[in-house]
Amino acid sequence: AFFGIATSLSQQNSKETALVFGRLELYVRPDFPVMQMLLGNILQDDGQYEDANKMYAAVSLKSPYSWASRLNLSENLDDMGQVKEAEEYLRAMAAEEPELATPLIRLGDLLRGHEEFKRAVGVYNQALERIGEPKPHHWSLLYALGIVLERSDRWDEAEAKFLQVMEFEPDQPMLLNYLGYSWIDKGLHLDRATEMIKKAVKLRPTDGYIADSLGWAYYRLGNFEESAKEMERAVSLRPEDPVINDHLGDAYWRVGRFNEARFQWQHVLTLDPDDDVAGQVRDKLKDGLKPADTADNKAD
């Protein structure tokens, strides 16, 4: 009864009251793993990672919920800044179950999140070795592997993975966006790439990052008027993103709206950009943009 009430309250976003009923339930039955998982999830969603991990750690290793609780625990360690501990925890889980790919996938995701792309490539490949022949439901692993390969400057391998995902999920907007953007940035398959990004925008019209990709596609193709329009929409969807705002400044410059471009670049510096973006923006504020280098100029 306590579990049912706590579950209902948590679904209604009454987290504090749900915790009260959950604690009462565990007082009556301290070793109830379903409630331990529920309370762990509530505490995790609330950012109380240490308390959540106490709940997850209390789940019996004999329980069918043990594996999920331990994966959640490793995620919380990462969120708490204990990256090394999270990595060691996931490696221990991978060694414990040498046929399961899940802990290695989580480890690859962790490394990718911390931009350790080359190490993530190795971990994702180990996960694929455990899987064997990938099936359609493994598309997200192949997609993640493609991303870290691309970020490791191994484009040909990355492209092969993205195309493999395309066979499984031809309408996946993240894939359409990432591959289309990459092709245009490299001056490859321009018409197909632009259509892919347009399709991604239709599938996710409120995604600012995808709108930015379409705007940047127009920019690389030299269609600066359309680029500025799409970039304005992207900024309205993601006003806090420094890269999207930087792109809008570039588009404004190309259409002769120089004051607005400089204003936009100044705004980027208030959005905590990384060092590379900040350096490029300061250069543009000083000297403006050089003549356009569009994808059309690079194409065959």
C-alpha atoms as a PDB file:
ATOM      1  CA  ALA A   1       0.000   0.000   0.000  1.00  0.00           C
ATOM      2  CA  PHE A   2       2.803   2.414   0.894  1.00  0.00           C
ATOM      3  CA  PHE A   3       4.569   1.592  -2.366  1.00  0.00           C
ATOM      4  CA  GLY A   4       1.433   2.243  -4.401  1.00  0.00           C
ATOM      5  CA  ILE A   5       0.866   5.612  -2.712  1.00  0.00           C
ATOM      6  CA  ALA A   6       4.527   6.639  -3.121  1.00  0.00           C
ATOM      7  CA  THR A   7       4.494   5.658  -6.793  1.00  0.00           C
ATOM      8  CA  SER A   8       1.319   7.639  -7.447  1.00  0.00           C
ATOM      9  CA  LEU A   9       2.675  10.709  -5.656  1.00  0.00           C
ATOM     10  CA  SER A  10       5.986  10.567  -7.521  1.00  0.00           C
ATOM     11  CA  GLN A  11       4.115  10.454 -10.830  1.00  0.00           C
ATOM     12  CA  GLN A  12       2.208  13.573  -9.738  1.00  0.00           C
ATOM     13  CA  ASN A  13       5.509  15.312  -8.941  1.00  0.00           C
ATOM     14  CA  SER A  14       4.777  15.313  -5.194  1.00  0.00           C
ATOM     15  CA  LYS A  15       8.284  14.113  -4.452  1.00  0.00           C
ATOM     16  CA  GLU A  16       8.584  15.166  -0.804  1.00  0.00           C
ATOM     17  CA  THR A  17       5.376  13.399   0.210  1.00  0.00           C
ATOM     18  CA  ALA A  18       6.380  10.363  -1.867  1.00  0.00           C
ATOM     19  CA  LEU A  19       9.649  10.204   0.076  1.00  0.00           C
ATOM     20  CA  VAL A  20       7.730  10.230   3.368  1.00  0.00           C
ATOM     21  CA  PHE A  21       5.603   7.245   2.349  1.00  0.00           C
ATOM     22  CA  GLY A  22       8.669   5.529   0.917  1.00  0.00           C
ATOM     23  CA  ARG A  23      10.568   5.879   4.182  1.00  0.00           C
ATOM     24  CA  LEU A  24       7.569   4.529   6.091  1.00  0.00           C
ATOM     25  CA  GLU A  25       7.441   1.535   3.774  1.00  0.00           C
ATOM     26  CA  LEU A  26      11.140   0.780   4.270  1.00  0.00           C
ATOM     27  CA  TYR A  27      10.622   1.001   8.036  1.00  0.00           C
ATOM     28  CA  VAL A  28       8.012  -1.739   7.703  1.00  0.00           C
ATOM     29  CA  ARG A  29      10.038  -3.757   5.162  1.00  0.00           C
ATOM     30  CA  PRO A  30      13.690  -2.620   4.977  1.00  0.00           C
ATOM     31  CA  ASP A  31      14.687  -5.044   2.230  1.00  0.00           C
ATOM     32  CA  PHE A  32      12.064  -4.151  -0.403  1.00  0.00           C
ATOM     33  CA  PRO A  33      14.134  -3.504  -3.608  1.00  0.00           C
ATOM     34  CA  VAL A  34      11.278  -2.017  -5.637  1.00  0.00           C
ATOM     35  CA  MET A  35      10.863   0.774  -3.092  1.00  0.00           C
ATOM     36  CA  GLN A  36      14.614   1.242  -2.784  1.00  0.00           C
ATOM     37  CA  MET A  37      14.775   1.777  -6.539  1.00  0.00           C
ATOM     38  CA  LEU A  38      11.807   4.169  -6.480  1.00  0.00           C
ATOM     39  CA  LEU A  39      13.316   6.281  -3.706  1.00  0.00           C
ATOM     40  CA  GLY A  40      16.705   6.183  -5.406  1.00  0.00           C
ATOM     41  CA  ASN A  41      15.115   7.475  -8.617  1.00  0.00           C
ATOM     42  CA  ILE A  42      13.274  10.268  -6.793  1.00  0.00           C
ATOM     43  CA  LEU A  43      16.435  11.367  -4.978  1.00  0.00           C
ATOM     44  CA  GLN A  44      18.484  11.142  -8.186  1.00  0.00           C
ATOM     45  CA  ASP A  45      15.976  13.279 -10.110  1.00  0.00           C
ATOM     46  CA  ASP A  46      16.162  15.803  -7.278  1.00  0.00           C
ATOM     47  CA  GLY A  47      19.963  15.982  -7.491  1.00  0.00           C
ATOM     48  CA  GLN A  48      20.496  14.275  -4.125  1.00  0.00           C
ATOM     49  CA  TYR A  49      23.048  11.899  -5.622  1.00  0.00           C
ATOM     50  CA  GLU A  50      24.746  10.755  -2.441  1.00  0.00           C
ATOM     51  CA  ASP A  51      21.462   9.807  -0.751  1.00  0.00           C
ATOM     52  CA  ALA A  52      20.286   8.171  -3.968  1.00  0.00           C
ATOM     53  CA  ASN A  53      23.418   6.037  -4.077  1.00  0.00           C
ATOM     54  CA  LYS A  54      22.822   4.880  -0.514  1.00  0.00           C
ATOM     55  CA  MET A  55      19.459   3.590  -1.688  1.00  0.00           C
ATOM     56  CA  TYR A  56      20.914   1.927  -4.776  1.00  0.00           C
ATOM     57  CA  ALA A  57      23.733   0.346  -2.770  1.00  0.00           C
ATOM     58  CA  ALA A  58      21.199  -1.113  -0.330  1.00  0.00           C
ATOM     59  CA  VAL A  59      19.526  -3.195  -3.076  1.00  0.00           C
ATOM     60  CA  SER A  60      20.457  -6.837  -2.554  1.00  0.00           C
ATOM     61  CA  LEU A  61      22.847  -8.308  -5.115  1.00  0.00           C
ATOM     62  CA  LYS A  62      20.431 -11.227  -5.345  1.00  0.00           C
ATOM     63  CA  SER A  63      17.612  -8.941  -6.477  1.00  0.00           C
ATOM     64  CA  PRO A  64      16.749  -8.650 -10.197  1.00  0.00           C
ATOM     65  CA  TYR A  65      16.873  -4.880  -9.617  1.00  0.00           C
ATOM     66  CA  SER A  66      20.516  -4.989  -8.541  1.00  0.00           C
ATOM     67  CA  TRP A  67      22.020  -4.479 -11.991  1.00  0.00           C
ATOM     68  CA  ALA A  68      19.871  -1.425 -12.795  1.00  0.00           C
ATOM     69  CA  SER A  69      20.548   0.079  -9.378  1.00  0.00           C
ATOM     70  CA  ARG A  70      24.302  -0.275  -9.860  1.00  0.00           C
ATOM     71  CA  LEU A  71      24.181   1.347 -13.285  1.00  0.00           C
ATOM     72  CA  ASN A  72      22.280   4.268 -11.763  1.00  0.00           C
ATOM     73  CA  LEU A  73      24.871   4.439  -8.989  1.00  0.00           C
ATOM     74  CA  SER A  74      27.701   4.778 -11.517  1.00  0.00           C
ATOM     75  CA  GLU A  75      25.805   7.568 -13.294  1.00  0.00           C
ATOM     76  CA  ASN A  76      25.473   9.434 -10.005  1.00  0.00           C
ATOM     77  CA  LEU A  77      29.180   9.077  -9.282  1.00  0.00           C
ATOM     78  CA  ASP A  78      29.846  10.828 -12.575  1.00  0.00           C
ATOM     79  CA  ASP A  79      27.337  13.575 -11.765  1.00  0.00           C
ATOM     80  CA  MET A  80      29.070  14.040  -8.401  1.00  0.00           C
ATOM     81  CA  GLY A  81      32.391  14.626 -10.156  1.00  0.00           C
ATOM     82  CA  GLN A  82      33.801  11.245  -9.151  1.00  0.00           C
ATOM     83  CA  VAL A  83      34.624  10.313 -12.735  1.00  0.00           C
ATOM     84  CA  LYS A  84      37.482   7.931 -11.941  1.00  0.00           C
ATOM     85  CA  GLU A  85      35.355   6.065  -9.406  1.00  0.00           C
ATOM     86  CA  ALA A  86      32.478   5.819 -11.908  1.00  0.00           C
ATOM     87  CA  GLU A  87      34.829   4.408 -14.550  1.00  0.00           C
ATOM     88  CA  GLU A  88      36.297   1.836 -12.155  1.00  0.00           C
ATOM     89  CA  TYR A  89      32.795   0.843 -11.030  1.00  0.00           C
ATOM     90  CA  LEU A  90      31.641   0.240 -14.611  1.00  0.00           C
ATOM     91  CA  ARG A  91      34.789  -1.687 -15.499  1.00  0.00           C
ATOM     92  CA  ALA A  92      34.220  -3.921 -12.475  1.00  0.00           C
ATOM     93  CA  MET A  93      30.649  -4.566 -13.626  1.00  0.00           C
ATOM     94  CA  ALA A  94      31.899  -5.358 -17.135  1.00  0.00           C
ATOM     95  CA  ALA A  95      34.395  -7.857 -15.720  1.00  0.00           C
ATOM     96  CA  GLU A  96      31.719  -9.419 -13.533  1.00  0.00           C
ATOM     97  CA  GLU A  97      29.457 -10.118 -16.527  1.00  0.00           C
ATOM     98  CA  PRO A  98      31.825 -10.674 -19.481  1.00  0.00           C
ATOM     99  CA  GLU A  99      28.996 -11.323 -21.947  1.00  0.00           C
ATOM    100  CA  LEU A 100      26.980  -8.186 -21.216  1.00  0.00           C
ATOM    101  CA  ALA A 101      27.593  -5.042 -23.264  1.00  0.00           C
ATOM    102  CA  THR A 102      25.583  -2.609 -21.110  1.00  0.00           C
ATOM    103  CA  PRO A 103      28.324  -1.550 -18.654  1.00  0.00           C
ATOM    104  CA  LEU A 104      30.745  -0.957 -21.520  1.00  0.00           C
ATOM    105  CA  ILE A 105      28.154   1.129 -23.371  1.00  0.00           C
ATOM    106  CA  ARG A 106      27.628   3.201 -20.225  1.00  0.00           C
ATOM    107  CA  LEU A 107      31.394   3.559 -19.849  1.00  0.00           C
ATOM    108  CA  GLY A 108      31.709   4.689 -23.466  1.00  0.00           C
ATOM    109  CA  ASP A 109      28.966   7.247 -22.863  1.00  0.00           C
ATOM    110  CA  LEU A 110      30.806   8.484 -19.777  1.00  0.00           C
ATOM    111  CA  LEU A 111      34.077   8.917 -21.677  1.00  0.00           C
ATOM    112  CA  ARG A 112      32.289  10.592 -24.591  1.00  0.00           C
ATOM    113  CA  GLY A 113      30.645  13.019 -22.184  1.00  0.00           C
ATOM    114  CA  HIS A 114      34.087  14.015 -20.936  1.00  0.00           C
ATOM    115  CA  GLU A 115      35.430  14.327 -24.500  1.00  0.00           C
ATOM    116  CA  GLU A 116      37.791  11.376 -24.155  1.00  0.00           C
ATOM    117  CA  PHE A 117      36.854  10.315 -27.653  1.00  0.00           C
ATOM    118  CA  LYS A 118      39.763   8.034 -28.488  1.00  0.00           C
ATOM    119  CA  ARG A 119      39.293   5.998 -25.322  1.00  0.00           C
ATOM    120  CA  ALA A 120      35.548   5.868 -25.967  1.00  0.00           C
ATOM    121  CA  VAL A 121      36.184   4.338 -29.409  1.00  0.00           C
ATOM    122  CA  GLY A 122      37.951   1.383 -27.810  1.00  0.00           C
ATOM    123  CA  VAL A 123      35.256   0.862 -25.188  1.00  0.00           C
ATOM    124  CA  TYR A 124      32.386   1.017 -27.692  1.00  0.00           C
ATOM    125  CA  ASN A 125      34.212  -1.471 -29.924  1.00  0.00           C
ATOM    126  CA  GLN A 126      34.553  -3.827 -26.954  1.00  0.00           C
ATOM    127  CA  ALA A 127      30.802  -3.539 -26.416  1.00  0.00           C
ATOM    128  CA  LEU A 128      30.195  -4.413 -30.076  1.00  0.00           C
ATOM    129  CA  GLU A 129      32.453  -7.457 -29.740  1.00  0.00           C
ATOM    130  CA  ARG A 130      30.199  -8.697 -26.955  1.00  0.00           C
ATOM    131  CA  ILE A 131      27.076  -8.070 -29.041  1.00  0.00           C
ATOM    132  CA  GLY A 132      28.326  -9.771 -32.180  1.00  0.00           C
ATOM    133  CA  GLU A 133      26.213  -8.905 -35.216  1.00  0.00           C
ATOM    134  CA  PRO A 134      24.425  -5.612 -34.477  1.00  0.00           C
ATOM    135  CA  LYS A 135      20.649  -5.586 -34.738  1.00  0.00           C
ATOM    136  CA  PRO A 136      18.410  -2.572 -35.435  1.00  0.00           C
ATOM    137  CA  HIS A 137      17.916  -1.914 -31.718  1.00  0.00           C
ATOM    138  CA  HIS A 138      21.680  -1.369 -31.400  1.00  0.00           C
ATOM    139  CA  TRP A 139      21.491   1.749 -33.578  1.00  0.00           C
ATOM    140  CA  SER A 140      22.259   4.131 -30.704  1.00  0.00           C
ATOM    141  CA  LEU A 141      25.530   2.324 -29.939  1.00  0.00           C
ATOM    142  CA  LEU A 142      26.598   2.509 -33.593  1.00  0.00           C
ATOM    143  CA  TYR A 143      25.603   6.175 -33.690  1.00  0.00           C
ATOM    144  CA  ALA A 144      27.643   6.935 -30.559  1.00  0.00           C
ATOM    145  CA  LEU A 145      30.612   5.059 -32.024  1.00  0.00           C
ATOM    146  CA  GLY A 146      30.303   7.116 -35.205  1.00  0.00           C
ATOM    147  CA  ILE A 147      30.410  10.328 -33.189  1.00  0.00           C
ATOM    148  CA  VAL A 148      33.574   9.430 -31.257  1.00  0.00           C
ATOM    149  CA  LEU A 149      35.251   8.184 -34.441  1.00  0.00           C
ATOM    150  CA  GLU A 150      34.449  11.491 -36.142  1.00  0.00           C
ATOM    151  CA  ARG A 151      35.743  13.434 -33.140  1.00  0.00           C
ATOM    152  CA  SER A 152      38.910  11.294 -33.235  1.00  0.00           C
ATOM    153  CA  ASP A 153      39.579  12.385 -36.852  1.00  0.00           C
ATOM    154  CA  ARG A 154      38.675   8.967 -38.265  1.00  0.00           C
ATOM    155  CA  TRP A 155      36.059  10.214 -40.710  1.00  0.00           C
ATOM    156  CA  ASP A 156      35.913   7.271 -43.125  1.00  0.00           C
ATOM    157  CA  GLU A 157      35.168   4.858 -40.279  1.00  0.00           C
ATOM    158  CA  ALA A 158      32.679   7.272 -38.736  1.00  0.00           C
ATOM    159  CA  GLU A 159      30.838   7.703 -42.024  1.00  0.00           C
ATOM    160  CA  ALA A 160      30.576   3.911 -42.404  1.00  0.00           C
ATOM    161  CA  LYS A 161      28.959   3.656 -38.959  1.00  0.00           C
ATOM    162  CA  PHE A 162      26.512   6.469 -39.695  1.00  0.00           C
ATOM    163  CA  LEU A 163      25.491   4.815 -42.947  1.00  0.00           C
ATOM    164  CA  GLN A 164      25.008   1.539 -41.097  1.00  0.00           C
ATOM    165  CA  VAL A 165      22.687   3.320 -38.668  1.00  0.00           C
ATOM    166  CA  MET A 166      20.864   4.809 -41.662  1.00  0.00           C
ATOM    167  CA  GLU A 167      19.962   1.297 -42.772  1.00  0.00           C
ATOM    168  CA  PHE A 168      18.388   0.619 -39.363  1.00  0.00           C
ATOM    169  CA  GLU A 169      16.862   4.050 -38.638  1.00  0.00           C
ATOM    170  CA  PRO A 170      16.459   6.090 -41.859  1.00  0.00           C
ATOM    171  CA  ASP A 171      14.198   8.627 -40.116  1.00  0.00           C
ATOM    172  CA  GLN A 172      16.281   9.194 -36.990  1.00  0.00           C
ATOM    173  CA  PRO A 173      16.565  13.010 -36.730  1.00  0.00           C
ATOM    174  CA  MET A 174      19.804  13.011 -34.716  1.00  0.00           C
ATOM    175  CA  LEU A 175      21.500  10.883 -37.350  1.00  0.00           C
ATOM    176  CA  LEU A 176      20.096  12.899 -40.262  1.00  0.00           C
ATOM    177  CA  ASN A 177      21.339  16.059 -38.599  1.00  0.00           C
ATOM    178  CA  TYR A 178      24.812  14.838 -37.640  1.00  0.00           C
ATOM    179  CA  LEU A 179      25.646  13.123 -40.911  1.00  0.00           C
ATOM    180  CA  GLY A 180      24.095  15.867 -43.044  1.00  0.00           C
ATOM    181  CA  TYR A 181      25.957  18.578 -41.152  1.00  0.00           C
ATOM    182  CA  SER A 182      29.252  16.662 -41.423  1.00  0.00           C
ATOM    183  CA  TRP A 183      28.857  16.153 -45.159  1.00  0.00           C
ATOM    184  CA  ILE A 184      28.117  19.807 -45.808  1.00  0.00           C
ATOM    185  CA  ASP A 185      30.983  20.961 -43.616  1.00  0.00           C
ATOM    186  CA  LYS A 186      33.295  18.767 -45.709  1.00  0.00           C
ATOM    187  CA  GLY A 187      31.752  19.828 -49.019  1.00  0.00           C
ATOM    188  CA  LEU A 188      30.356  16.347 -49.692  1.00  0.00           C
ATOM    189  CA  HIS A 189      26.978  15.186 -51.083  1.00  0.00           C
ATOM    190  CA  LEU A 190      25.588  18.705 -50.717  1.00  0.00           C
ATOM    191  CA  ASP A 191      22.081  18.215 -52.104  1.00  0.00           C
ATOM    192  CA  ARG A 192      21.463  14.982 -50.230  1.00  0.00           C
ATOM    193  CA  ALA A 193      22.890  16.408 -47.020  1.00  0.00           C
ATOM    194  CA  THR A 194      20.689  19.500 -47.165  1.00  0.00           C
ATOM    195  CA  GLU A 195      17.580  17.398 -47.734  1.00  0.00           C
ATOM    196  CA  MET A 196      18.533  15.202 -44.776  1.00  0.00           C
ATOM    197  CA  ILE A 197      18.787  18.202 -42.465  1.00  0.00           C
ATOM    198  CA  LYS A 198      15.492  19.617 -43.764  1.00  0.00           C
ATOM    199  CA  LYS A 199      13.893  16.278 -42.960  1.00  0.00           C
ATOM    200  CA  ALA A 200      15.385  16.363 -39.469  1.00  0.00           C
ATOM    201  CA  VAL A 201      13.914  19.840 -38.952  1.00  0.00           C
ATOM    202  CA  LYS A 202      10.457  18.592 -39.964  1.00  0.00           C
ATOM    203  CA  LEU A 203      10.773  15.694 -37.542  1.00  0.00           C
ATOM    204  CA  ARG A 204      11.944  17.954 -34.697  1.00  0.00           C
ATOM    205  CA  PRO A 205      10.824  21.492 -35.475  1.00  0.00           C
ATOM    206  CA  THR A 206      11.536  22.795 -31.955  1.00  0.00           C
ATOM    207  CA  ASP A 207      15.103  21.483 -31.721  1.00  0.00           C
ATOM    208  CA  GLY A 208      17.417  24.496 -31.789  1.00  0.00           C
ATOM    209  CA  TYR A 209      20.504  22.462 -32.600  1.00  0.00           C
ATOM    210  CA  ILE A 210      18.929  20.963 -35.708  1.00  0.00           C
ATOM    211  CA  ALA A 211      17.643  24.384 -36.783  1.00  0.00           C
ATOM    212  CA  ASP A 212      21.210  25.644 -36.370  1.00  0.00           C
ATOM    213  CA  SER A 213      22.465  22.836 -38.606  1.00  0.00           C
ATOM    214  CA  LEU A 214      20.052  23.849 -41.365  1.00  0.00           C
ATOM    215  CA  GLY A 215      21.104  27.472 -41.010  1.00  0.00           C
ATOM    216  CA  TRP A 216      24.746  26.468 -41.170  1.00  0.00           C
ATOM    217  CA  ALA A 217      24.040  24.288 -44.218  1.00  0.00           C
ATOM    218  CA  TYR A 218      22.604  27.321 -46.012  1.00  0.00           C
ATOM    219  CA  TYR A 219      25.643  29.322 -44.885  1.00  0.00           C
ATOM    220  CA  ARG A 220      28.133  26.784 -46.228  1.00  0.00           C
ATOM    221  CA  LEU A 221      26.200  26.710 -49.497  1.00  0.00           C
ATOM    222  CA  GLY A 222      26.408  30.493 -49.777  1.00  0.00           C
ATOM    223  CA  ASN A 223      22.663  31.098 -49.243  1.00  0.00           C
ATOM    224  CA  PHE A 224      23.228  33.701 -46.542  1.00  0.00           C
ATOM    225  CA  GLU A 225      19.727  35.227 -46.506  1.00  0.00           C
ATOM    226  CA  GLU A 226      18.131  31.849 -45.733  1.00  0.00           C
ATOM    227  CA  SER A 227      20.949  31.127 -43.294  1.00  0.00           C
ATOM    228  CA  ALA A 228      20.219  34.277 -41.284  1.00  0.00           C
ATOM    229  CA  LYS A 229      16.487  33.450 -41.115  1.00  0.00           C
ATOM    230  CA  GLU A 230      17.104  29.902 -39.912  1.00  0.00           C
ATOM    231  CA  MET A 231      19.794  31.008 -37.450  1.00  0.00           C
ATOM    232  CA  GLU A 232      17.387  33.531 -35.932  1.00  0.00           C
ATOM    233  CA  ARG A 233      14.916  30.707 -35.365  1.00  0.00           C
ATOM    234  CA  ALA A 234      17.658  28.525 -33.859  1.00  0.00           C
ATOM    235  CA  VAL A 235      18.663  31.288 -31.421  1.00  0.00           C
ATOM    236  CA  SER A 236      15.028  31.762 -30.393  1.00  0.00           C
ATOM    237  CA  LEU A 237      14.934  28.050 -29.539  1.00  0.00           C
ATOM    238  CA  ARG A 238      18.390  27.935 -27.873  1.00  0.00           C
ATOM    239  CA  PRO A 239      19.190  31.509 -26.762  1.00  0.00           C
ATOM    240  CA  GLU A 240      21.813  30.350 -24.257  1.00  0.00           C
ATOM    241  CA  ASP A 241      24.044  28.468 -26.719  1.00  0.00           C
ATOM    242  CA  PRO A 242      27.246  30.371 -27.641  1.00  0.00           C
ATOM    243  CA  VAL A 243      27.931  28.456 -30.872  1.00  0.00           C
ATOM    244  CA  ILE A 244      24.457  29.068 -32.307  1.00  0.00           C
ATOM    245  CA  ASN A 245      24.708  32.758 -31.445  1.00  0.00           C
ATOM    246  CA  ASP A 246      28.135  32.869 -33.082  1.00  0.00           C
ATOM    247  CA  HIS A 247      26.701  31.320 -36.236  1.00  0.00           C
ATOM    248  CA  LEU A 248      23.961  33.956 -36.289  1.00  0.00           C
ATOM    249  CA  GLY A 249      26.596  36.673 -36.073  1.00  0.00           C
ATOM    250  CA  ASP A 250      28.412  35.149 -39.047  1.00  0.00           C
ATOM    251  CA  ALA A 251      25.199  35.036 -41.092  1.00  0.00           C
ATOM    252  CA  TYR A 252      24.413  38.667 -40.256  1.00  0.00           C
ATOM    253  CA  TRP A 253      27.872  39.708 -41.409  1.00  0.00           C
ATOM    254  CA  ARG A 254      27.461  37.958 -44.751  1.00  0.00           C
ATOM    255  CA  VAL A 255      24.213  39.786 -45.493  1.00  0.00           C
ATOM    256  CA  GLY A 256      25.722  43.155 -44.617  1.00  0.00           C
ATOM    257  CA  ARG A 257      24.135  43.566 -41.176  1.00  0.00           C
ATOM    258  CA  PHE A 258      27.487  44.423 -39.618  1.00  0.00           C
ATOM    259  CA  ASN A 259      26.300  46.169 -36.452  1.00  0.00           C
ATOM    260  CA  GLU A 260      23.983  43.281 -35.619  1.00  0.00           C
ATOM    261  CA  ALA A 261      26.790  40.814 -36.291  1.00  0.00           C
ATOM    262  CA  ARG A 262      29.114  42.589 -33.879  1.00  0.00           C
ATOM    263  CA  PHE A 263      26.354  42.798 -31.277  1.00  0.00           C
ATOM    264  CA  GLN A 264      25.764  39.056 -31.658  1.00  0.00           C
ATOM    265  CA  TRP A 265      29.466  38.241 -31.273  1.00  0.00           C
ATOM    266  CA  GLN A 266      29.681  40.465 -28.190  1.00  0.00           C
ATOM    267  CA  HIS A 267      26.727  38.549 -26.784  1.00  0.00           C
ATOM    268  CA  VAL A 268      28.534  35.230 -27.374  1.00  0.00           C
ATOM    269  CA  LEU A 269      31.267  36.311 -24.943  1.00  0.00           C
ATOM    270  CA  THR A 270      28.645  36.611 -22.174  1.00  0.00           C
ATOM    271  CA  LEU A 271      27.504  32.995 -22.680  1.00  0.00           C
ATOM    272  CA  ASP A 272      30.628  31.268 -21.301  1.00  0.00           C
ATOM    273  CA  PRO A 273      31.949  29.910 -24.627  1.00  0.00           C
ATOM    274  CA  ASP A 274      34.915  27.538 -24.688  1.00  0.00           C
ATOM    275  CA  ASP A 275      38.364  28.987 -25.341  1.00  0.00           C
ATOM    276  CA  ASP A 276      38.366  28.171 -29.065  1.00  0.00           C
ATOM    277  CA  VAL A 277      35.015  29.851 -29.727  1.00  0.00           C
ATOM    278  CA  ALA A 278      35.924  32.844 -27.557  1.00  0.00           C
ATOM    279  CA  GLY A 279      39.214  33.316 -29.412  1.00  0.00           C
ATOM    280  CA  GLN A 280      37.547  33.145 -32.817  1.00  0.00           C
ATOM    281  CA  VAL A 281      34.855  35.609 -31.744  1.00  0.00           C
ATOM    282  CA  ARG A 282      37.412  38.135 -30.493  1.00  0.00           C
ATOM    283  CA  ASP A 283      39.219  37.901 -33.829  1.00  0.00           C
ATOM    284  CA  LYS A 284      35.948  38.544 -35.667  1.00  0.00           C
ATOM    285  CA  LEU A 285      35.140  41.512 -33.467  1.00  0.00           C
ATOM    286  CA  LYS A 286      38.517  42.956 -34.371  1.00  0.00           C
ATOM    287  CA  ASP A 287      38.726  42.179 -38.096  1.00  0.00           C
ATOM    288  CA  GLY A 288      35.296  40.973 -39.227  1.00  0.00           C
ATOM    289  CA  LEU A 289      35.058  37.960 -41.551  1.00  0.00           C
ATOM    290  CA  LYS A 290      37.249  37.096 -44.485  1.00  0.00           C
ATOM    291  CA  PRO A 291      35.605  36.424 -47.889  1.00  0.00           C
ATOM    292  CA  ALA A 292      33.162  33.537 -47.678  1.00  0.00           C
ATOM    293  CA  ASP A 293      34.527  30.002 -47.938  1.00  0.00           C
ATOM    294  CA  THR A 294      31.372  28.055 -48.801  1.00  0.00           C
ATOM    295  CA  ALA A 295      30.883  24.364 -49.389  1.00  0.00           C
ATOM    296  CA  ASP A 296      30.162  25.134 -53.047  1.00  0.00           C
ATOM    297  CA  ASN A 297      33.726  26.355 -53.370  1.00  0.00           C
ATOM    298  CA  LYS A 298      35.025  23.051 -52.021  1.00  0.00           C
ATOM    299  CA  ALA A 299      32.715  20.770 -54.002  1.00  0.00           C
ATOM    300  CA  ASP A 300      33.797  18.951 -57.148  1.00  0.00           C
END
